[in-house]
């Protein structure tokens, strides 16, 4: 059996469970989804400062599951601490937005991304993933993640309107960027004129593929494991991973 850790980076348990449900819907038979929420950090990540704090919380969370899962899906649309997690963990780590954007490139010449709230950090994220030339546009719905969870019907109507704006701007596919939007792509598929990419679903399928490929961990380069690094004040599990 394959066990995939679906790791939220904020402390809102309802979002963790939403992502876990979407992950289970996407997972192959025999794949177990293990949801997890950090013990500390922001309730929602909507600023640069919150994202940095969440990165520490997320790495601590992952360290506590090291060796117990075959892959990790980061259930956070900012792909928080993705490269650091790939360096620390002994198994594949997949970010939900990177996974959705890469998948969009397989079905679209150019893709749009829709999220809740501001969009500029997503423009930067897509640039870091090397996909800016494939991005047709960004759209931010004026709704918080908590509001989207409380009012799914209202969120779906607002998201659908945003999808149509992105299509008018040249998108051949649309990524729904936000953990609070997990599972919505399937519900809106029949009402969208272009394919919709759910980050959790894409990440789970890519995680399963990476486990099946059984690629070795790099022993050199920027993602090589750490060893002999001193620290203070970290959880015992995270400190041990820095020590190697």
C-alpha atoms as a PDB file:
ATOM      1  CA  UNK A   1       0.000   0.000   0.000  1.00  0.00           C
ATOM      2  CA  UNK A   2       1.190   3.508  -0.841  1.00  0.00           C
ATOM      3  CA  UNK A   3       0.755   6.144   1.884  1.00  0.00           C
ATOM      4  CA  UNK A   4       0.677   9.799   0.782  1.00  0.00           C
ATOM      5  CA  UNK A   5       0.886  12.542   3.393  1.00  0.00           C
ATOM      6  CA  UNK A   6      -1.409  15.456   2.489  1.00  0.00           C
ATOM      7  CA  UNK A   7       0.180  18.231   4.533  1.00  0.00           C
ATOM      8  CA  UNK A   8      -1.680  21.464   5.073  1.00  0.00           C
ATOM      9  CA  UNK A   9       0.561  24.449   5.885  1.00  0.00           C
ATOM     10  CA  UNK A  10      -2.026  26.473   7.797  1.00  0.00           C
ATOM     11  CA  UNK A  11      -3.829  25.569  10.995  1.00  0.00           C
ATOM     12  CA  UNK A  12      -7.392  25.525   9.652  1.00  0.00           C
ATOM     13  CA  UNK A  13      -8.489  21.914  10.106  1.00  0.00           C
ATOM     14  CA  UNK A  14     -11.503  22.338   7.791  1.00  0.00           C
ATOM     15  CA  UNK A  15      -9.137  23.061   4.883  1.00  0.00           C
ATOM     16  CA  UNK A  16      -7.041  20.003   5.752  1.00  0.00           C
ATOM     17  CA  UNK A  17     -10.140  17.814   5.592  1.00  0.00           C
ATOM     18  CA  UNK A  18     -11.306  19.451   2.330  1.00  0.00           C
ATOM     19  CA  UNK A  19      -7.937  18.661   0.739  1.00  0.00           C
ATOM     20  CA  UNK A  20      -7.965  15.118   2.139  1.00  0.00           C
ATOM     21  CA  UNK A  21     -11.374  14.467   0.570  1.00  0.00           C
ATOM     22  CA  UNK A  22     -10.168  15.737  -2.822  1.00  0.00           C
ATOM     23  CA  UNK A  23      -7.026  13.617  -2.497  1.00  0.00           C
ATOM     24  CA  UNK A  24      -9.013  10.457  -1.741  1.00  0.00           C
ATOM     25  CA  UNK A  25     -11.230  11.101  -4.773  1.00  0.00           C
ATOM     26  CA  UNK A  26      -8.130  11.302  -6.984  1.00  0.00           C
ATOM     27  CA  UNK A  27      -6.092   8.488  -5.446  1.00  0.00           C
ATOM     28  CA  UNK A  28      -5.752   5.084  -7.037  1.00  0.00           C
ATOM     29  CA  UNK A  29      -7.071   1.984  -5.246  1.00  0.00           C
ATOM     30  CA  UNK A  30      -4.518   0.958  -2.641  1.00  0.00           C
ATOM     31  CA  UNK A  31      -3.303   4.515  -1.983  1.00  0.00           C
ATOM     32  CA  UNK A  32      -3.903   5.674   1.582  1.00  0.00           C
ATOM     33  CA  UNK A  33      -4.265   9.427   2.173  1.00  0.00           C
ATOM     34  CA  UNK A  34      -2.832  10.650   5.482  1.00  0.00           C
ATOM     35  CA  UNK A  35      -4.017  14.220   6.245  1.00  0.00           C
ATOM     36  CA  UNK A  36      -2.052  16.412   8.650  1.00  0.00           C
ATOM     37  CA  UNK A  37      -2.287  19.935  10.085  1.00  0.00           C
ATOM     38  CA  UNK A  38       0.636  21.864  11.653  1.00  0.00           C
ATOM     39  CA  UNK A  39       0.706  22.345  15.428  1.00  0.00           C
ATOM     40  CA  UNK A  40       1.384  26.107  15.042  1.00  0.00           C
ATOM     41  CA  UNK A  41       1.267  28.871  12.461  1.00  0.00           C
ATOM     42  CA  UNK A  42      -1.213  31.107  10.647  1.00  0.00           C
ATOM     43  CA  UNK A  43      -4.865  30.178  10.245  1.00  0.00           C
ATOM     44  CA  UNK A  44      -4.627  31.167   6.570  1.00  0.00           C
ATOM     45  CA  UNK A  45      -1.583  32.102   4.476  1.00  0.00           C
ATOM     46  CA  UNK A  46      -2.301  35.401   2.749  1.00  0.00           C
ATOM     47  CA  UNK A  47       0.942  37.335   3.195  1.00  0.00           C
ATOM     48  CA  UNK A  48       4.684  36.877   2.760  1.00  0.00           C
ATOM     49  CA  UNK A  49       5.253  36.853   6.534  1.00  0.00           C
ATOM     50  CA  UNK A  50       2.618  34.167   7.116  1.00  0.00           C
ATOM     51  CA  UNK A  51       4.144  32.067   4.342  1.00  0.00           C
ATOM     52  CA  UNK A  52       7.583  32.106   6.013  1.00  0.00           C
ATOM     53  CA  UNK A  53       6.103  31.173   9.402  1.00  0.00           C
ATOM     54  CA  UNK A  54       4.104  28.388   7.753  1.00  0.00           C
ATOM     55  CA  UNK A  55       7.271  27.078   6.132  1.00  0.00           C
ATOM     56  CA  UNK A  56       8.791  26.292   9.541  1.00  0.00           C
ATOM     57  CA  UNK A  57       5.546  24.717  10.757  1.00  0.00           C
ATOM     58  CA  UNK A  58       5.323  22.621   7.598  1.00  0.00           C
ATOM     59  CA  UNK A  59       8.901  21.330   7.802  1.00  0.00           C
ATOM     60  CA  UNK A  60       8.310  20.313  11.420  1.00  0.00           C
ATOM     61  CA  UNK A  61       5.137  18.509  10.378  1.00  0.00           C
ATOM     62  CA  UNK A  62       6.934  16.639   7.584  1.00  0.00           C
ATOM     63  CA  UNK A  63       9.841  15.677   9.832  1.00  0.00           C
ATOM     64  CA  UNK A  64       7.385  13.999  12.178  1.00  0.00           C
ATOM     65  CA  UNK A  65       6.195  11.753   9.317  1.00  0.00           C
ATOM     66  CA  UNK A  66       9.586  11.011   7.762  1.00  0.00           C
ATOM     67  CA  UNK A  67       9.948   7.328   6.957  1.00  0.00           C
ATOM     68  CA  UNK A  68       6.247   6.670   7.517  1.00  0.00           C
ATOM     69  CA  UNK A  69       4.900   7.723   4.087  1.00  0.00           C
ATOM     70  CA  UNK A  70       5.974   7.063   0.492  1.00  0.00           C
ATOM     71  CA  UNK A  71       5.224  10.587  -0.795  1.00  0.00           C
ATOM     72  CA  UNK A  72       4.131  14.033   0.342  1.00  0.00           C
ATOM     73  CA  UNK A  73       1.599  16.410  -1.215  1.00  0.00           C
ATOM     74  CA  UNK A  74       1.855  19.990   0.010  1.00  0.00           C
ATOM     75  CA  UNK A  75      -1.757  21.083   0.425  1.00  0.00           C
ATOM     76  CA  UNK A  76      -0.902  24.764   0.219  1.00  0.00           C
ATOM     77  CA  UNK A  77      -1.290  26.765  -2.970  1.00  0.00           C
ATOM     78  CA  UNK A  78       1.851  28.830  -2.349  1.00  0.00           C
ATOM     79  CA  UNK A  79       3.903  25.608  -2.587  1.00  0.00           C
ATOM     80  CA  UNK A  80       5.309  26.681   0.763  1.00  0.00           C
ATOM     81  CA  UNK A  81       8.827  25.385   1.556  1.00  0.00           C
ATOM     82  CA  UNK A  82       8.706  23.065  -1.475  1.00  0.00           C
ATOM     83  CA  UNK A  83      12.434  22.978  -2.252  1.00  0.00           C
ATOM     84  CA  UNK A  84      13.373  22.700   1.428  1.00  0.00           C
ATOM     85  CA  UNK A  85      10.921  19.840   1.874  1.00  0.00           C
ATOM     86  CA  UNK A  86      12.387  18.049  -1.142  1.00  0.00           C
ATOM     87  CA  UNK A  87      15.838  18.377   0.382  1.00  0.00           C
ATOM     88  CA  UNK A  88      14.821  17.110   3.815  1.00  0.00           C
ATOM     89  CA  UNK A  89      12.389  14.307   3.038  1.00  0.00           C
ATOM     90  CA  UNK A  90      13.519  10.848   1.874  1.00  0.00           C
ATOM     91  CA  UNK A  91      10.492  10.531  -0.432  1.00  0.00           C
ATOM     92  CA  UNK A  92       8.985  12.538  -3.327  1.00  0.00           C
ATOM     93  CA  UNK A  93       7.405  15.889  -2.382  1.00  0.00           C
ATOM     94  CA  UNK A  94       4.885  17.497  -4.751  1.00  0.00           C
ATOM     95  CA  UNK A  95       3.513  21.033  -4.509  1.00  0.00           C
ATOM     96  CA  UNK A  96      -0.135  21.394  -5.490  1.00  0.00           C
ATOM     97  CA  UNK A  97       0.240  24.530  -7.618  1.00  0.00           C
ATOM     98  CA  UNK A  98       3.385  23.373  -9.404  1.00  0.00           C
ATOM     99  CA  UNK A  99       1.629  20.069 -10.149  1.00  0.00           C
ATOM    100  CA  UNK A 100      -1.477  21.789 -11.522  1.00  0.00           C
ATOM    101  CA  UNK A 101       0.516  24.242 -13.651  1.00  0.00           C
ATOM    102  CA  UNK A 102       2.724  21.510 -15.109  1.00  0.00           C
ATOM    103  CA  UNK A 103      -0.362  19.452 -15.907  1.00  0.00           C
ATOM    104  CA  UNK A 104      -2.018  22.481 -17.496  1.00  0.00           C
ATOM    105  CA  UNK A 105       0.969  22.775 -19.844  1.00  0.00           C
ATOM    106  CA  UNK A 106       0.174  19.266 -21.108  1.00  0.00           C
ATOM    107  CA  UNK A 107      -3.377  20.197 -22.129  1.00  0.00           C
ATOM    108  CA  UNK A 108      -3.093  23.898 -22.993  1.00  0.00           C
ATOM    109  CA  UNK A 109      -0.910  26.271 -24.963  1.00  0.00           C
ATOM    110  CA  UNK A 110      -1.456  28.871 -22.245  1.00  0.00           C
ATOM    111  CA  UNK A 111      -3.193  28.553 -18.892  1.00  0.00           C
ATOM    112  CA  UNK A 112      -4.788  30.948 -16.438  1.00  0.00           C
ATOM    113  CA  UNK A 113      -4.771  30.715 -12.664  1.00  0.00           C
ATOM    114  CA  UNK A 114      -7.651  31.708 -10.423  1.00  0.00           C
ATOM    115  CA  UNK A 115      -7.276  32.154  -6.683  1.00  0.00           C
ATOM    116  CA  UNK A 116      -8.931  33.762  -3.675  1.00  0.00           C
ATOM    117  CA  UNK A 117      -7.639  37.255  -2.961  1.00  0.00           C
ATOM    118  CA  UNK A 118      -4.425  38.776  -4.324  1.00  0.00           C
ATOM    119  CA  UNK A 119      -2.581  37.355  -7.322  1.00  0.00           C
ATOM    120  CA  UNK A 120       0.922  38.855  -7.372  1.00  0.00           C
ATOM    121  CA  UNK A 121       2.562  36.198  -5.215  1.00  0.00           C
ATOM    122  CA  UNK A 122       1.187  33.603  -7.654  1.00  0.00           C
ATOM    123  CA  UNK A 123       2.747  35.464 -10.571  1.00  0.00           C
ATOM    124  CA  UNK A 124       6.072  35.216  -8.722  1.00  0.00           C
ATOM    125  CA  UNK A 125       5.493  31.539  -7.897  1.00  0.00           C
ATOM    126  CA  UNK A 126       4.771  30.638 -11.513  1.00  0.00           C
ATOM    127  CA  UNK A 127       7.935  32.502 -12.475  1.00  0.00           C
ATOM    128  CA  UNK A 128       9.976  30.473  -9.987  1.00  0.00           C
ATOM    129  CA  UNK A 129       8.569  27.321 -11.548  1.00  0.00           C
ATOM    130  CA  UNK A 130       9.761  28.575 -14.960  1.00  0.00           C
ATOM    131  CA  UNK A 131       6.276  28.753 -16.488  1.00  0.00           C
ATOM    132  CA  UNK A 132       5.687  32.495 -16.948  1.00  0.00           C
ATOM    133  CA  UNK A 133       5.676  32.218 -20.738  1.00  0.00           C
ATOM    134  CA  UNK A 134       2.785  29.747 -20.557  1.00  0.00           C
ATOM    135  CA  UNK A 135       0.656  31.938 -18.258  1.00  0.00           C
ATOM    136  CA  UNK A 136      -2.147  33.840 -19.986  1.00  0.00           C
ATOM    137  CA  UNK A 137      -3.489  35.615 -16.911  1.00  0.00           C
ATOM    138  CA  UNK A 138      -4.383  35.617 -13.229  1.00  0.00           C
ATOM    139  CA  UNK A 139      -7.718  36.287 -11.541  1.00  0.00           C
ATOM    140  CA  UNK A 140      -8.356  36.927  -7.866  1.00  0.00           C
ATOM    141  CA  UNK A 141     -11.849  36.324  -6.465  1.00  0.00           C
ATOM    142  CA  UNK A 142     -12.797  38.723  -3.666  1.00  0.00           C
ATOM    143  CA  UNK A 143     -13.414  36.016  -1.067  1.00  0.00           C
ATOM    144  CA  UNK A 144     -11.353  34.621   1.803  1.00  0.00           C
ATOM    145  CA  UNK A 145     -10.651  30.878   2.150  1.00  0.00           C
ATOM    146  CA  UNK A 146     -12.827  30.780   5.274  1.00  0.00           C
ATOM    147  CA  UNK A 147     -15.721  32.376   3.361  1.00  0.00           C
ATOM    148  CA  UNK A 148     -15.284  29.877   0.524  1.00  0.00           C
ATOM    149  CA  UNK A 149     -15.475  26.955   2.955  1.00  0.00           C
ATOM    150  CA  UNK A 150     -18.571  28.401   4.675  1.00  0.00           C
ATOM    151  CA  UNK A 151     -20.380  29.286   1.416  1.00  0.00           C
ATOM    152  CA  UNK A 152     -19.415  26.740  -1.265  1.00  0.00           C
ATOM    153  CA  UNK A 153     -22.304  27.699  -3.560  1.00  0.00           C
ATOM    154  CA  UNK A 154     -21.348  31.375  -3.466  1.00  0.00           C
ATOM    155  CA  UNK A 155     -17.711  30.458  -4.010  1.00  0.00           C
ATOM    156  CA  UNK A 156     -18.547  28.318  -7.022  1.00  0.00           C
ATOM    157  CA  UNK A 157     -20.526  31.146  -8.645  1.00  0.00           C
ATOM    158  CA  UNK A 158     -17.670  33.614  -8.102  1.00  0.00           C
ATOM    159  CA  UNK A 159     -15.059  31.142  -9.346  1.00  0.00           C
ATOM    160  CA  UNK A 160     -17.076  30.326 -12.474  1.00  0.00           C
ATOM    161  CA  UNK A 161     -17.282  34.022 -13.333  1.00  0.00           C
ATOM    162  CA  UNK A 162     -13.508  34.275 -12.895  1.00  0.00           C
ATOM    163  CA  UNK A 163     -12.966  31.268 -15.141  1.00  0.00           C
ATOM    164  CA  UNK A 164     -14.893  32.954 -17.940  1.00  0.00           C
ATOM    165  CA  UNK A 165     -12.798  36.126 -17.521  1.00  0.00           C
ATOM    166  CA  UNK A 166      -9.606  34.097 -17.865  1.00  0.00           C
ATOM    167  CA  UNK A 167     -10.916  32.291 -20.944  1.00  0.00           C
ATOM    168  CA  UNK A 168     -11.746  35.649 -22.526  1.00  0.00           C
ATOM    169  CA  UNK A 169      -8.137  36.615 -21.820  1.00  0.00           C
ATOM    170  CA  UNK A 170      -6.762  33.647 -23.746  1.00  0.00           C
ATOM    171  CA  UNK A 171      -6.610  30.746 -21.290  1.00  0.00           C
ATOM    172  CA  UNK A 172      -6.945  27.258 -22.794  1.00  0.00           C
ATOM    173  CA  UNK A 173      -7.126  25.757 -19.282  1.00  0.00           C
ATOM    174  CA  UNK A 174      -7.529  27.180 -15.786  1.00  0.00           C
ATOM    175  CA  UNK A 175      -5.749  26.202 -12.586  1.00  0.00           C
ATOM    176  CA  UNK A 176      -7.836  26.652  -9.443  1.00  0.00           C
ATOM    177  CA  UNK A 177      -5.147  27.936  -7.097  1.00  0.00           C
ATOM    178  CA  UNK A 178      -6.097  27.537  -3.470  1.00  0.00           C
ATOM    179  CA  UNK A 179      -6.394  24.727  -0.952  1.00  0.00           C
ATOM    180  CA  UNK A 180      -9.863  26.033  -0.072  1.00  0.00           C
ATOM    181  CA  UNK A 181     -10.874  25.343  -3.716  1.00  0.00           C
ATOM    182  CA  UNK A 182      -9.908  21.656  -3.528  1.00  0.00           C
ATOM    183  CA  UNK A 183     -12.518  19.480  -5.209  1.00  0.00           C
ATOM    184  CA  UNK A 184     -14.264  22.389  -6.929  1.00  0.00           C
ATOM    185  CA  UNK A 185     -12.824  21.694 -10.395  1.00  0.00           C
ATOM    186  CA  UNK A 186     -14.789  18.446 -10.677  1.00  0.00           C
ATOM    187  CA  UNK A 187     -18.022  20.168  -9.654  1.00  0.00           C
ATOM    188  CA  UNK A 188     -17.579  22.961 -12.206  1.00  0.00           C
ATOM    189  CA  UNK A 189     -16.201  20.874 -15.070  1.00  0.00           C
ATOM    190  CA  UNK A 190     -19.489  20.687 -17.004  1.00  0.00           C
ATOM    191  CA  UNK A 191     -19.973  24.453 -16.758  1.00  0.00           C
ATOM    192  CA  UNK A 192     -16.467  25.458 -17.825  1.00  0.00           C
ATOM    193  CA  UNK A 193     -15.539  25.943 -21.498  1.00  0.00           C
ATOM    194  CA  UNK A 194     -11.944  24.787 -20.804  1.00  0.00           C
ATOM    195  CA  UNK A 195     -10.297  22.108 -18.637  1.00  0.00           C
ATOM    196  CA  UNK A 196      -9.995  22.942 -14.936  1.00  0.00           C
ATOM    197  CA  UNK A 197      -6.965  21.760 -12.974  1.00  0.00           C
ATOM    198  CA  UNK A 198      -7.333  20.874  -9.290  1.00  0.00           C
ATOM    199  CA  UNK A 199      -3.977  21.170  -7.531  1.00  0.00           C
ATOM    200  CA  UNK A 200      -4.636  18.392  -5.029  1.00  0.00           C
ATOM    201  CA  UNK A 201      -5.819  15.930  -7.678  1.00  0.00           C
ATOM    202  CA  UNK A 202      -2.859  16.712  -9.954  1.00  0.00           C
ATOM    203  CA  UNK A 203      -0.402  16.461  -7.070  1.00  0.00           C
ATOM    204  CA  UNK A 204      -1.738  13.091  -5.897  1.00  0.00           C
ATOM    205  CA  UNK A 205      -1.483  11.560  -9.369  1.00  0.00           C
ATOM    206  CA  UNK A 206       2.031  12.931  -9.851  1.00  0.00           C
ATOM    207  CA  UNK A 207       3.058  11.683  -6.407  1.00  0.00           C
ATOM    208  CA  UNK A 208       1.815   8.203  -7.313  1.00  0.00           C
ATOM    209  CA  UNK A 209       3.784   8.333 -10.560  1.00  0.00           C
ATOM    210  CA  UNK A 210       6.978   9.426  -8.797  1.00  0.00           C
ATOM    211  CA  UNK A 211       6.693   6.609  -6.284  1.00  0.00           C
ATOM    212  CA  UNK A 212       6.231   4.142  -9.140  1.00  0.00           C
ATOM    213  CA  UNK A 213       9.308   5.540 -10.950  1.00  0.00           C
ATOM    214  CA  UNK A 214      11.387   4.905  -7.805  1.00  0.00           C
ATOM    215  CA  UNK A 215      13.952   7.586  -8.665  1.00  0.00           C
ATOM    216  CA  UNK A 216      16.916   7.898  -6.283  1.00  0.00           C
ATOM    217  CA  UNK A 217      17.404  10.914  -4.031  1.00  0.00           C
ATOM    218  CA  UNK A 218      20.116  13.273  -5.323  1.00  0.00           C
ATOM    219  CA  UNK A 219      23.447  12.849  -3.530  1.00  0.00           C
ATOM    220  CA  UNK A 220      24.850  16.114  -4.895  1.00  0.00           C
ATOM    221  CA  UNK A 221      23.557  19.568  -5.733  1.00  0.00           C
ATOM    222  CA  UNK A 222      21.188  21.909  -3.937  1.00  0.00           C
ATOM    223  CA  UNK A 223      18.718  19.165  -2.953  1.00  0.00           C
ATOM    224  CA  UNK A 224      21.272  16.762  -1.491  1.00  0.00           C
ATOM    225  CA  UNK A 225      20.440  15.761   2.102  1.00  0.00           C
ATOM    226  CA  UNK A 226      21.909  17.773   4.949  1.00  0.00           C
ATOM    227  CA  UNK A 227      24.216  16.423   7.625  1.00  0.00           C
ATOM    228  CA  UNK A 228      26.038  17.753  10.645  1.00  0.00           C
ATOM    229  CA  UNK A 229      23.971  20.950  10.944  1.00  0.00           C
ATOM    230  CA  UNK A 230      23.544  22.329  14.461  1.00  0.00           C
ATOM    231  CA  UNK A 231      20.305  24.019  15.546  1.00  0.00           C
ATOM    232  CA  UNK A 232      18.437  25.132  18.652  1.00  0.00           C
ATOM    233  CA  UNK A 233      14.772  25.322  19.567  1.00  0.00           C
ATOM    234  CA  UNK A 234      13.562  23.027  16.765  1.00  0.00           C
ATOM    235  CA  UNK A 235      11.467  19.923  17.232  1.00  0.00           C
ATOM    236  CA  UNK A 236      13.544  16.826  17.922  1.00  0.00           C
ATOM    237  CA  UNK A 237      12.538  15.295  14.563  1.00  0.00           C
ATOM    238  CA  UNK A 238      13.448  18.378  12.513  1.00  0.00           C
ATOM    239  CA  UNK A 239      16.734  18.859  14.379  1.00  0.00           C
ATOM    240  CA  UNK A 240      17.617  15.221  13.696  1.00  0.00           C
ATOM    241  CA  UNK A 241      17.001  15.679   9.957  1.00  0.00           C
ATOM    242  CA  UNK A 242      19.392  18.649   9.922  1.00  0.00           C
ATOM    243  CA  UNK A 243      21.966  16.510  11.717  1.00  0.00           C
ATOM    244  CA  UNK A 244      21.529  13.767   9.150  1.00  0.00           C
END
